[in-house]
């Protein structure tokens, strides 16, 4: 299950021994709500090899600003704490899987 991440814990969350997929979203965003079950499914399926987190941009505006989140949903894949890939907008499950497989 994807973990809700707040600003204070963000750096420690993305600096794990495995790739980290972060979903920047907001509750009022229709495409974000469409993407949520896909993110949860990927989170469960790849729980051994990838950490998955969610950042509510309304609750964490500093993170949204830091990563230049202009449109949501925005998915950022981190490896060793660094951005590896970014996707904006609704993505099908296979697109998330492709991101993850490239980072493994």
PDB file of N, CA and C in Angstrom:
ATOM      1  N   UNK A   1       0.840  -1.186   0.000  1.00  0.00           N
ATOM      2  CA  UNK A   1       0.000   0.000   0.000  1.00  0.00           C
ATOM      3  C   UNK A   1       0.888   1.255   0.000  1.00  0.00           C
ATOM      4  N   UNK A   2       0.492   2.217  -0.814  1.00  0.00           N
ATOM      5  CA  UNK A   2       1.256   3.458  -0.908  1.00  0.00           C
ATOM      6  C   UNK A   2       1.183   4.222   0.406  1.00  0.00           C
ATOM      7  N   UNK A   3       2.306   4.789   0.801  1.00  0.00           N
ATOM      8  CA  UNK A   3       2.401   5.525   2.069  1.00  0.00           C
ATOM      9  C   UNK A   3       2.189   7.013   1.823  1.00  0.00           C
ATOM     10  N   UNK A   4       1.369   7.629   2.646  1.00  0.00           N
ATOM     11  CA  UNK A   4       1.189   9.086   2.599  1.00  0.00           C
ATOM     12  C   UNK A   4       2.461   9.723   3.160  1.00  0.00           C
ATOM     13  N   UNK A   5       3.110  10.576   2.378  1.00  0.00           N
ATOM     14  CA  UNK A   5       4.381  11.171   2.787  1.00  0.00           C
ATOM     15  C   UNK A   5       4.191  12.664   3.040  1.00  0.00           C
ATOM     16  N   UNK A   6       4.749  13.124   4.144  1.00  0.00           N
ATOM     17  CA  UNK A   6       4.724  14.538   4.487  1.00  0.00           C
ATOM     18  C   UNK A   6       6.128  15.117   4.257  1.00  0.00           C
ATOM     19  N   UNK A   7       6.224  16.418   4.173  1.00  0.00           N
ATOM     20  CA  UNK A   7       7.486  17.100   3.872  1.00  0.00           C
ATOM     21  C   UNK A   7       8.624  16.656   4.781  1.00  0.00           C
ATOM     22  N   UNK A   8       8.347  16.551   6.101  1.00  0.00           N
ATOM     23  CA  UNK A   8       9.423  16.233   7.060  1.00  0.00           C
ATOM     24  C   UNK A   8      10.069  14.874   6.829  1.00  0.00           C
ATOM     25  N   UNK A   9       9.334  13.934   6.282  1.00  0.00           N
ATOM     26  CA  UNK A   9       9.860  12.574   6.110  1.00  0.00           C
ATOM     27  C   UNK A   9      10.244  12.255   4.663  1.00  0.00           C
ATOM     28  N   UNK A  10      10.063  13.222   3.768  1.00  0.00           N
ATOM     29  CA  UNK A  10      10.257  12.956   2.348  1.00  0.00           C
ATOM     30  C   UNK A  10      11.670  12.492   2.016  1.00  0.00           C
ATOM     31  N   UNK A  11      12.683  13.211   2.473  1.00  0.00           N
ATOM     32  CA  UNK A  11      14.065  12.852   2.124  1.00  0.00           C
ATOM     33  C   UNK A  11      14.449  11.464   2.601  1.00  0.00           C
ATOM     34  N   UNK A  12      14.040  11.096   3.806  1.00  0.00           N
ATOM     35  CA  UNK A  12      14.367   9.749   4.283  1.00  0.00           C
ATOM     36  C   UNK A  12      13.593   8.695   3.490  1.00  0.00           C
ATOM     37  N   UNK A  13      12.376   9.033   3.039  1.00  0.00           N
ATOM     38  CA  UNK A  13      11.582   8.071   2.275  1.00  0.00           C
ATOM     39  C   UNK A  13      12.201   7.792   0.906  1.00  0.00           C
ATOM     40  N   UNK A  14      12.683   8.827   0.219  1.00  0.00           N
ATOM     41  CA  UNK A  14      13.227   8.602  -1.132  1.00  0.00           C
ATOM     42  C   UNK A  14      14.639   8.031  -1.116  1.00  0.00           C
ATOM     43  N   UNK A  15      15.307   8.067   0.021  1.00  0.00           N
ATOM     44  CA  UNK A  15      16.666   7.527   0.123  1.00  0.00           C
ATOM     45  C   UNK A  15      16.639   6.116   0.708  1.00  0.00           C
ATOM     46  N   UNK A  16      16.038   5.204  -0.023  1.00  0.00           N
ATOM     47  CA  UNK A  16      15.967   3.811   0.391  1.00  0.00           C
ATOM     48  C   UNK A  16      16.886   2.974  -0.492  1.00  0.00           C
ATOM     49  N   UNK A  17      17.046   1.716  -0.114  1.00  0.00           N
ATOM     50  CA  UNK A  17      17.901   0.808  -0.884  1.00  0.00           C
ATOM     51  C   UNK A  17      17.222   0.302  -2.151  1.00  0.00           C
ATOM     52  N   UNK A  18      15.997   0.701  -2.348  1.00  0.00           N
ATOM     53  CA  UNK A  18      15.274   0.280  -3.545  1.00  0.00           C
ATOM     54  C   UNK A  18      14.665   1.507  -4.214  1.00  0.00           C
ATOM     55  N   UNK A  19      14.255   1.382  -5.480  1.00  0.00           N
ATOM     56  CA  UNK A  19      13.625   2.519  -6.152  1.00  0.00           C
ATOM     57  C   UNK A  19      12.358   2.956  -5.406  1.00  0.00           C
ATOM     58  N   UNK A  20      12.026   4.233  -5.548  1.00  0.00           N
ATOM     59  CA  UNK A  20      10.863   4.807  -4.873  1.00  0.00           C
ATOM     60  C   UNK A  20      10.016   5.547  -5.910  1.00  0.00           C
ATOM     61  N   UNK A  21       8.743   5.182  -5.988  1.00  0.00           N
ATOM     62  CA  UNK A  21       7.796   5.847  -6.873  1.00  0.00           C
ATOM     63  C   UNK A  21       6.917   6.757  -6.022  1.00  0.00           C
ATOM     64  N   UNK A  22       6.862   8.041  -6.375  1.00  0.00           N
ATOM     65  CA  UNK A  22       6.065   9.001  -5.610  1.00  0.00           C
ATOM     66  C   UNK A  22       4.993   9.597  -6.524  1.00  0.00           C
ATOM     67  N   UNK A  23       3.761   9.537  -6.045  1.00  0.00           N
ATOM     68  CA  UNK A  23       2.602  10.087  -6.744  1.00  0.00           C
ATOM     69  C   UNK A  23       2.245  11.427  -6.100  1.00  0.00           C
ATOM     70  N   UNK A  24       2.437  12.531  -6.845  1.00  0.00           N
ATOM     71  CA  UNK A  24       2.024  13.855  -6.387  1.00  0.00           C
ATOM     72  C   UNK A  24       0.585  14.041  -6.860  1.00  0.00           C
ATOM     73  N   UNK A  25      -0.328  14.309  -5.931  1.00  0.00           N
ATOM     74  CA  UNK A  25      -1.752  14.315  -6.230  1.00  0.00           C
ATOM     75  C   UNK A  25      -2.496  15.299  -5.325  1.00  0.00           C
ATOM     76  N   UNK A  26      -3.814  15.400  -5.530  1.00  0.00           N
ATOM     77  CA  UNK A  26      -4.698  16.178  -4.649  1.00  0.00           C
ATOM     78  C   UNK A  26      -6.076  15.518  -4.675  1.00  0.00           C
ATOM     79  N   UNK A  27      -6.801  15.586  -3.567  1.00  0.00           N
ATOM     80  CA  UNK A  27      -8.106  14.929  -3.495  1.00  0.00           C
ATOM     81  C   UNK A  27      -9.146  15.458  -4.486  1.00  0.00           C
ATOM     82  N   UNK A  28      -9.030  16.707  -4.891  1.00  0.00           N
ATOM     83  CA  UNK A  28      -9.995  17.323  -5.802  1.00  0.00           C
ATOM     84  C   UNK A  28      -9.713  17.022  -7.277  1.00  0.00           C
ATOM     85  N   UNK A  29      -8.594  16.352  -7.564  1.00  0.00           N
ATOM     86  CA  UNK A  29      -8.131  16.106  -8.935  1.00  0.00           C
ATOM     87  C   UNK A  29      -8.734  14.813  -9.491  1.00  0.00           C
ATOM     88  N   UNK A  30      -9.563  14.945 -10.531  1.00  0.00           N
ATOM     89  CA  UNK A  30     -10.204  13.778 -11.148  1.00  0.00           C
ATOM     90  C   UNK A  30      -9.219  12.748 -11.680  1.00  0.00           C
ATOM     91  N   UNK A  31      -8.249  13.152 -12.515  1.00  0.00           N
ATOM     92  CA  UNK A  31      -7.274  12.181 -13.006  1.00  0.00           C
ATOM     93  C   UNK A  31      -6.467  11.524 -11.872  1.00  0.00           C
ATOM     94  N   UNK A  32      -6.244  12.265 -10.777  1.00  0.00           N
ATOM     95  CA  UNK A  32      -5.539  11.697  -9.617  1.00  0.00           C
ATOM     96  C   UNK A  32      -6.352  10.559  -9.011  1.00  0.00           C
ATOM     97  N   UNK A  33      -7.664  10.771  -8.919  1.00  0.00           N
ATOM     98  CA  UNK A  33      -8.534   9.729  -8.365  1.00  0.00           C
ATOM     99  C   UNK A  33      -8.587   8.522  -9.292  1.00  0.00           C
ATOM    100  N   UNK A  34      -8.493   8.762 -10.606  1.00  0.00           N
ATOM    101  CA  UNK A  34      -8.467   7.653 -11.565  1.00  0.00           C
ATOM    102  C   UNK A  34      -7.163   6.863 -11.439  1.00  0.00           C
ATOM    103  N   UNK A  35      -6.068   7.564 -11.174  1.00  0.00           N
ATOM    104  CA  UNK A  35      -4.756   6.930 -11.082  1.00  0.00           C
ATOM    105  C   UNK A  35      -4.553   6.185  -9.761  1.00  0.00           C
ATOM    106  N   UNK A  36      -5.239   6.610  -8.711  1.00  0.00           N
ATOM    107  CA  UNK A  36      -5.021   6.050  -7.369  1.00  0.00           C
ATOM    108  C   UNK A  36      -5.096   4.519  -7.311  1.00  0.00           C
ATOM    109  N   UNK A  37      -6.125   3.869  -7.894  1.00  0.00           N
ATOM    110  CA  UNK A  37      -6.153   2.409  -7.819  1.00  0.00           C
ATOM    111  C   UNK A  37      -5.004   1.740  -8.580  1.00  0.00           C
ATOM    112  N   UNK A  38      -4.535   2.386  -9.643  1.00  0.00           N
ATOM    113  CA  UNK A  38      -3.402   1.848 -10.412  1.00  0.00           C
ATOM    114  C   UNK A  38      -2.134   1.910  -9.548  1.00  0.00           C
ATOM    115  N   UNK A  39      -1.942   3.042  -8.865  1.00  0.00           N
ATOM    116  CA  UNK A  39      -0.782   3.202  -7.983  1.00  0.00           C
ATOM    117  C   UNK A  39      -0.834   2.169  -6.854  1.00  0.00           C
ATOM    118  N   UNK A  40      -2.017   1.957  -6.276  1.00  0.00           N
ATOM    119  CA  UNK A  40      -2.167   0.978  -5.197  1.00  0.00           C
ATOM    120  C   UNK A  40      -1.868  -0.436  -5.687  1.00  0.00           C
ATOM    121  N   UNK A  41      -2.341  -0.763  -6.877  1.00  0.00           N
ATOM    122  CA  UNK A  41      -2.103  -2.093  -7.440  1.00  0.00           C
ATOM    123  C   UNK A  41      -0.612  -2.325  -7.665  1.00  0.00           C
ATOM    124  N   UNK A  42       0.070  -1.353  -8.224  1.00  0.00           N
ATOM    125  CA  UNK A  42       1.512  -1.447  -8.454  1.00  0.00           C
ATOM    126  C   UNK A  42       2.250  -1.526  -7.115  1.00  0.00           C
ATOM    127  N   UNK A  43       1.797  -0.748  -6.150  1.00  0.00           N
ATOM    128  CA  UNK A  43       2.402  -0.754  -4.817  1.00  0.00           C
ATOM    129  C   UNK A  43       2.350  -2.141  -4.195  1.00  0.00           C
ATOM    130  N   UNK A  44       1.216  -2.799  -4.324  1.00  0.00           N
ATOM    131  CA  UNK A  44       1.043  -4.146  -3.770  1.00  0.00           C
ATOM    132  C   UNK A  44       1.854  -5.170  -4.562  1.00  0.00           C
ATOM    133  N   UNK A  45       1.766  -5.094  -5.866  1.00  0.00           N
ATOM    134  CA  UNK A  45       2.430  -6.068  -6.737  1.00  0.00           C
ATOM    135  C   UNK A  45       3.956  -6.008  -6.620  1.00  0.00           C
ATOM    136  N   UNK A  46       4.512  -4.813  -6.463  1.00  0.00           N
ATOM    137  CA  UNK A  46       5.965  -4.646  -6.440  1.00  0.00           C
ATOM    138  C   UNK A  46       6.490  -4.285  -5.048  1.00  0.00           C
ATOM    139  N   UNK A  47       5.750  -4.624  -4.013  1.00  0.00           N
ATOM    140  CA  UNK A  47       6.104  -4.211  -2.644  1.00  0.00           C
ATOM    141  C   UNK A  47       7.488  -4.677  -2.203  1.00  0.00           C
ATOM    142  N   UNK A  48       7.978  -5.791  -2.739  1.00  0.00           N
ATOM    143  CA  UNK A  48       9.308  -6.278  -2.360  1.00  0.00           C
ATOM    144  C   UNK A  48      10.441  -5.489  -3.015  1.00  0.00           C
ATOM    145  N   UNK A  49      10.170  -4.895  -4.176  1.00  0.00           N
ATOM    146  CA  UNK A  49      11.257  -4.277  -4.923  1.00  0.00           C
ATOM    147  C   UNK A  49      11.166  -2.754  -5.057  1.00  0.00           C
ATOM    148  N   UNK A  50      10.001  -2.160  -4.746  1.00  0.00           N
ATOM    149  CA  UNK A  50       9.819  -0.721  -4.906  1.00  0.00           C
ATOM    150  C   UNK A  50       8.986  -0.166  -3.746  1.00  0.00           C
ATOM    151  N   UNK A  51       9.386   0.992  -3.235  1.00  0.00           N
ATOM    152  CA  UNK A  51       8.576   1.698  -2.240  1.00  0.00           C
ATOM    153  C   UNK A  51       7.694   2.693  -2.990  1.00  0.00           C
ATOM    154  N   UNK A  52       6.439   2.801  -2.584  1.00  0.00           N
ATOM    155  CA  UNK A  52       5.516   3.707  -3.256  1.00  0.00           C
ATOM    156  C   UNK A  52       4.928   4.662  -2.224  1.00  0.00           C
ATOM    157  N   UNK A  53       4.963   5.950  -2.555  1.00  0.00           N
ATOM    158  CA  UNK A  53       4.423   6.961  -1.656  1.00  0.00           C
ATOM    159  C   UNK A  53       3.540   7.932  -2.399  1.00  0.00           C
ATOM    160  N   UNK A  54       2.715   8.639  -1.636  1.00  0.00           N
ATOM    161  CA  UNK A  54       1.821   9.645  -2.195  1.00  0.00           C
ATOM    162  C   UNK A  54       2.034  10.960  -1.457  1.00  0.00           C
ATOM    163  N   UNK A  55       2.119  12.050  -2.220  1.00  0.00           N
ATOM    164  CA  UNK A  55       2.278  13.385  -1.639  1.00  0.00           C
ATOM    165  C   UNK A  55       1.081  14.234  -2.061  1.00  0.00           C
ATOM    166  N   UNK A  56       0.286  14.643  -1.082  1.00  0.00           N
ATOM    167  CA  UNK A  56      -0.830  15.564  -1.327  1.00  0.00           C
ATOM    168  C   UNK A  56      -0.224  16.956  -1.498  1.00  0.00           C
ATOM    169  N   UNK A  57      -0.327  17.509  -2.708  1.00  0.00           N
ATOM    170  CA  UNK A  57       0.322  18.795  -2.995  1.00  0.00           C
ATOM    171  C   UNK A  57      -0.291  19.947  -2.208  1.00  0.00           C
ATOM    172  N   UNK A  58      -1.546  19.807  -1.797  1.00  0.00           N
ATOM    173  CA  UNK A  58      -2.173  20.865  -0.993  1.00  0.00           C
ATOM    174  C   UNK A  58      -1.618  20.886   0.427  1.00  0.00           C
ATOM    175  N   UNK A  59      -1.290  19.723   0.965  1.00  0.00           N
ATOM    176  CA  UNK A  59      -0.743  19.628   2.317  1.00  0.00           C
ATOM    177  C   UNK A  59       0.765  19.838   2.341  1.00  0.00           C
ATOM    178  N   UNK A  60       1.428  19.662   1.195  1.00  0.00           N
ATOM    179  CA  UNK A  60       2.890  19.740   1.104  1.00  0.00           C
ATOM    180  C   UNK A  60       3.317  20.643  -0.054  1.00  0.00           C
ATOM    181  N   UNK A  61       2.947  21.923  -0.021  1.00  0.00           N
ATOM    182  CA  UNK A  61       3.272  22.811  -1.142  1.00  0.00           C
ATOM    183  C   UNK A  61       4.774  23.000  -1.358  1.00  0.00           C
ATOM    184  N   UNK A  62       5.572  22.870  -0.300  1.00  0.00           N
ATOM    185  CA  UNK A  62       7.025  23.013  -0.464  1.00  0.00           C
ATOM    186  C   UNK A  62       7.596  21.906  -1.348  1.00  0.00           C
ATOM    187  N   UNK A  63       7.086  20.691  -1.195  1.00  0.00           N
ATOM    188  CA  UNK A  63       7.551  19.581  -2.039  1.00  0.00           C
ATOM    189  C   UNK A  63       7.101  19.784  -3.479  1.00  0.00           C
ATOM    190  N   UNK A  64       5.875  20.240  -3.655  1.00  0.00           N
ATOM    191  CA  UNK A  64       5.381  20.508  -5.010  1.00  0.00           C
ATOM    192  C   UNK A  64       6.254  21.562  -5.695  1.00  0.00           C
ATOM    193  N   UNK A  65       6.626  22.573  -4.952  1.00  0.00           N
ATOM    194  CA  UNK A  65       7.482  23.630  -5.501  1.00  0.00           C
ATOM    195  C   UNK A  65       8.889  23.094  -5.793  1.00  0.00           C
ATOM    196  N   UNK A  66       9.443  22.322  -4.866  1.00  0.00           N
ATOM    197  CA  UNK A  66      10.795  21.779  -5.021  1.00  0.00           C
ATOM    198  C   UNK A  66      10.923  20.924  -6.278  1.00  0.00           C
ATOM    199  N   UNK A  67       9.881  20.143  -6.588  1.00  0.00           N
ATOM    200  CA  UNK A  67       9.932  19.249  -7.745  1.00  0.00           C
ATOM    201  C   UNK A  67       9.187  19.811  -8.953  1.00  0.00           C
ATOM    202  N   UNK A  68       8.875  21.109  -8.884  1.00  0.00           N
ATOM    203  CA  UNK A  68       8.240  21.826  -9.998  1.00  0.00           C
ATOM    204  C   UNK A  68       6.992  21.112 -10.506  1.00  0.00           C
ATOM    205  N   UNK A  69       6.143  20.744  -9.581  1.00  0.00           N
ATOM    206  CA  UNK A  69       4.890  20.081  -9.936  1.00  0.00           C
ATOM    207  C   UNK A  69       3.922  21.159 -10.428  1.00  0.00           C
ATOM    208  N   UNK A  70       3.707  21.193 -11.729  1.00  0.00           N
ATOM    209  CA  UNK A  70       2.817  22.180 -12.339  1.00  0.00           C
ATOM    210  C   UNK A  70       1.465  21.565 -12.681  1.00  0.00           C
ATOM    211  N   UNK A  71       1.442  20.263 -12.935  1.00  0.00           N
ATOM    212  CA  UNK A  71       0.220  19.532 -13.259  1.00  0.00           C
ATOM    213  C   UNK A  71       0.210  18.249 -12.450  1.00  0.00           C
ATOM    214  N   UNK A  72      -0.986  17.845 -12.054  1.00  0.00           N
ATOM    215  CA  UNK A  72      -1.121  16.591 -11.320  1.00  0.00           C
ATOM    216  C   UNK A  72      -2.160  15.723 -12.021  1.00  0.00           C
ATOM    217  N   UNK A  73      -2.069  14.420 -11.882  1.00  0.00           N
ATOM    218  CA  UNK A  73      -1.056  13.707 -11.114  1.00  0.00           C
ATOM    219  C   UNK A  73       0.310  13.762 -11.793  1.00  0.00           C
ATOM    220  N   UNK A  74       1.331  13.707 -10.959  1.00  0.00           N
ATOM    221  CA  UNK A  74       2.705  13.662 -11.446  1.00  0.00           C
ATOM    222  C   UNK A  74       3.412  12.549 -10.692  1.00  0.00           C
ATOM    223  N   UNK A  75       3.990  11.632 -11.439  1.00  0.00           N
ATOM    224  CA  UNK A  75       4.715  10.503 -10.861  1.00  0.00           C
ATOM    225  C   UNK A  75       6.204  10.740 -11.031  1.00  0.00           C
ATOM    226  N   UNK A  76       6.948  10.591  -9.943  1.00  0.00           N
ATOM    227  CA  UNK A  76       8.403  10.718 -10.011  1.00  0.00           C
ATOM    228  C   UNK A  76       9.008   9.436  -9.448  1.00  0.00           C
ATOM    229  N   UNK A  77       9.913   8.855 -10.210  1.00  0.00           N
ATOM    230  CA  UNK A  77      10.629   7.668  -9.766  1.00  0.00           C
ATOM    231  C   UNK A  77      12.023   8.088  -9.316  1.00  0.00           C
ATOM    232  N   UNK A  78      12.370   7.713  -8.096  1.00  0.00           N
ATOM    233  CA  UNK A  78      13.677   8.021  -7.515  1.00  0.00           C
ATOM    234  C   UNK A  78      14.488   6.742  -7.367  1.00  0.00           C
ATOM    235  N   UNK A  79      15.791   6.872  -7.562  1.00  0.00           N
ATOM    236  CA  UNK A  79      16.712   5.779  -7.267  1.00  0.00           C
ATOM    237  C   UNK A  79      17.909   6.409  -6.580  1.00  0.00           C
ATOM    238  N   UNK A  80      18.271   5.888  -5.421  1.00  0.00           N
ATOM    239  CA  UNK A  80      19.360   6.459  -4.617  1.00  0.00           C
ATOM    240  C   UNK A  80      19.105   7.942  -4.314  1.00  0.00           C
ATOM    241  N   UNK A  81      17.829   8.294  -4.119  1.00  0.00           N
ATOM    242  CA  UNK A  81      17.468   9.657  -3.761  1.00  0.00           C
ATOM    243  C   UNK A  81      17.453  10.651  -4.907  1.00  0.00           C
ATOM    244  N   UNK A  82      17.705  10.175  -6.132  1.00  0.00           N
ATOM    245  CA  UNK A  82      17.753  11.064  -7.291  1.00  0.00           C
ATOM    246  C   UNK A  82      16.618  10.742  -8.262  1.00  0.00           C
ATOM    247  N   UNK A  83      16.118  11.776  -8.933  1.00  0.00           N
ATOM    248  CA  UNK A  83      15.046  11.593  -9.905  1.00  0.00           C
ATOM    249  C   UNK A  83      15.569  10.807 -11.105  1.00  0.00           C
ATOM    250  N   UNK A  84      14.853   9.728 -11.435  1.00  0.00           N
ATOM    251  CA  UNK A  84      15.226   8.893 -12.578  1.00  0.00           C
ATOM    252  C   UNK A  84      14.276   9.145 -13.745  1.00  0.00           C
ATOM    253  N   UNK A  85      12.988   9.285 -13.424  1.00  0.00           N
ATOM    254  CA  UNK A  85      11.988   9.465 -14.478  1.00  0.00           C
ATOM    255  C   UNK A  85      10.772  10.187 -13.906  1.00  0.00           C
ATOM    256  N   UNK A  86      10.104  10.947 -14.773  1.00  0.00           N
ATOM    257  CA  UNK A  86       8.903  11.679 -14.380  1.00  0.00           C
ATOM    258  C   UNK A  86       7.835  11.483 -15.437  1.00  0.00           C
ATOM    259  N   UNK A  87       6.602  11.304 -14.992  1.00  0.00           N
ATOM    260  CA  UNK A  87       5.454  11.218 -15.907  1.00  0.00           C
ATOM    261  C   UNK A  87       4.345  12.095 -15.345  1.00  0.00           C
ATOM    262  N   UNK A  88       3.659  12.808 -16.230  1.00  0.00           N
ATOM    263  CA  UNK A  88       2.574  13.700 -15.825  1.00  0.00           C
ATOM    264  C   UNK A  88       1.271  13.199 -16.437  1.00  0.00           C
ATOM    265  N   UNK A  89       0.200  13.257 -15.651  1.00  0.00           N
ATOM    266  CA  UNK A  89      -1.116  12.849 -16.131  1.00  0.00           C
ATOM    267  C   UNK A  89      -1.400  11.397 -15.815  1.00  0.00           C
ATOM    268  N   UNK A  90      -2.615  10.983 -16.121  1.00  0.00           N
ATOM    269  CA  UNK A  90      -3.007   9.591 -15.877  1.00  0.00           C
ATOM    270  C   UNK A  90      -2.105   8.665 -16.681  1.00  0.00           C
ATOM    271  N   UNK A  91      -1.673   7.584 -16.063  1.00  0.00           N
ATOM    272  CA  UNK A  91      -0.825   6.592 -16.724  1.00  0.00           C
ATOM    273  C   UNK A  91      -1.444   5.215 -16.520  1.00  0.00           C
ATOM    274  N   UNK A  92      -1.459   4.379 -17.553  1.00  0.00           N
ATOM    275  CA  UNK A  92      -1.935   3.014 -17.371  1.00  0.00           C
ATOM    276  C   UNK A  92      -0.923   2.197 -16.570  1.00  0.00           C
ATOM    277  N   UNK A  93      -1.359   1.075 -16.057  1.00  0.00           N
ATOM    278  CA  UNK A  93      -0.510   0.236 -15.212  1.00  0.00           C
ATOM    279  C   UNK A  93       0.797  -0.135 -15.912  1.00  0.00           C
ATOM    280  N   UNK A  94       0.742  -0.472 -17.190  1.00  0.00           N
ATOM    281  CA  UNK A  94       1.963  -0.898 -17.891  1.00  0.00           C
ATOM    282  C   UNK A  94       3.001   0.227 -17.958  1.00  0.00           C
ATOM    283  N   UNK A  95       2.569   1.491 -17.975  1.00  0.00           N
ATOM    284  CA  UNK A  95       3.519   2.610 -17.982  1.00  0.00           C
ATOM    285  C   UNK A  95       4.256   2.686 -16.641  1.00  0.00           C
ATOM    286  N   UNK A  96       3.538   2.462 -15.544  1.00  0.00           N
ATOM    287  CA  UNK A  96       4.167   2.451 -14.218  1.00  0.00           C
ATOM    288  C   UNK A  96       5.124   1.269 -14.102  1.00  0.00           C
ATOM    289  N   UNK A  97       4.699   0.127 -14.614  1.00  0.00           N
ATOM    290  CA  UNK A  97       5.560  -1.060 -14.576  1.00  0.00           C
ATOM    291  C   UNK A  97       6.826  -0.842 -15.388  1.00  0.00           C
ATOM    292  N   UNK A  98       6.711  -0.181 -16.534  1.00  0.00           N
ATOM    293  CA  UNK A  98       7.893   0.110 -17.354  1.00  0.00           C
ATOM    294  C   UNK A  98       8.866   1.013 -16.613  1.00  0.00           C
ATOM    295  N   UNK A  99       8.341   2.023 -15.920  1.00  0.00           N
ATOM    296  CA  UNK A  99       9.192   2.915 -15.122  1.00  0.00           C
ATOM    297  C   UNK A  99       9.961   2.104 -14.074  1.00  0.00           C
ATOM    298  N   UNK A 100       9.236   1.262 -13.374  1.00  0.00           N
ATOM    299  CA  UNK A 100       9.822   0.474 -12.291  1.00  0.00           C
ATOM    300  C   UNK A 100      10.873  -0.495 -12.825  1.00  0.00           C
ATOM    301  N   UNK A 101      10.554  -1.188 -13.907  1.00  0.00           N
ATOM    302  CA  UNK A 101      11.483  -2.195 -14.457  1.00  0.00           C
ATOM    303  C   UNK A 101      12.788  -1.556 -14.908  1.00  0.00           C
ATOM    304  N   UNK A 102      12.728  -0.337 -15.419  1.00  0.00           N
ATOM    305  CA  UNK A 102      13.954   0.361 -15.836  1.00  0.00           C
ATOM    306  C   UNK A 102      14.851   0.676 -14.646  1.00  0.00           C
ATOM    307  N   UNK A 103      14.245   0.880 -13.482  1.00  0.00           N
ATOM    308  CA  UNK A 103      15.018   1.265 -12.288  1.00  0.00           C
ATOM    309  C   UNK A 103      15.534   0.059 -11.499  1.00  0.00           C
ATOM    310  N   UNK A 104      15.019  -1.120 -11.771  1.00  0.00           N
ATOM    311  CA  UNK A 104      15.447  -2.309 -11.016  1.00  0.00           C
ATOM    312  C   UNK A 104      16.765  -2.857 -11.512  1.00  0.00           C
TER     313      UNK A 104
END
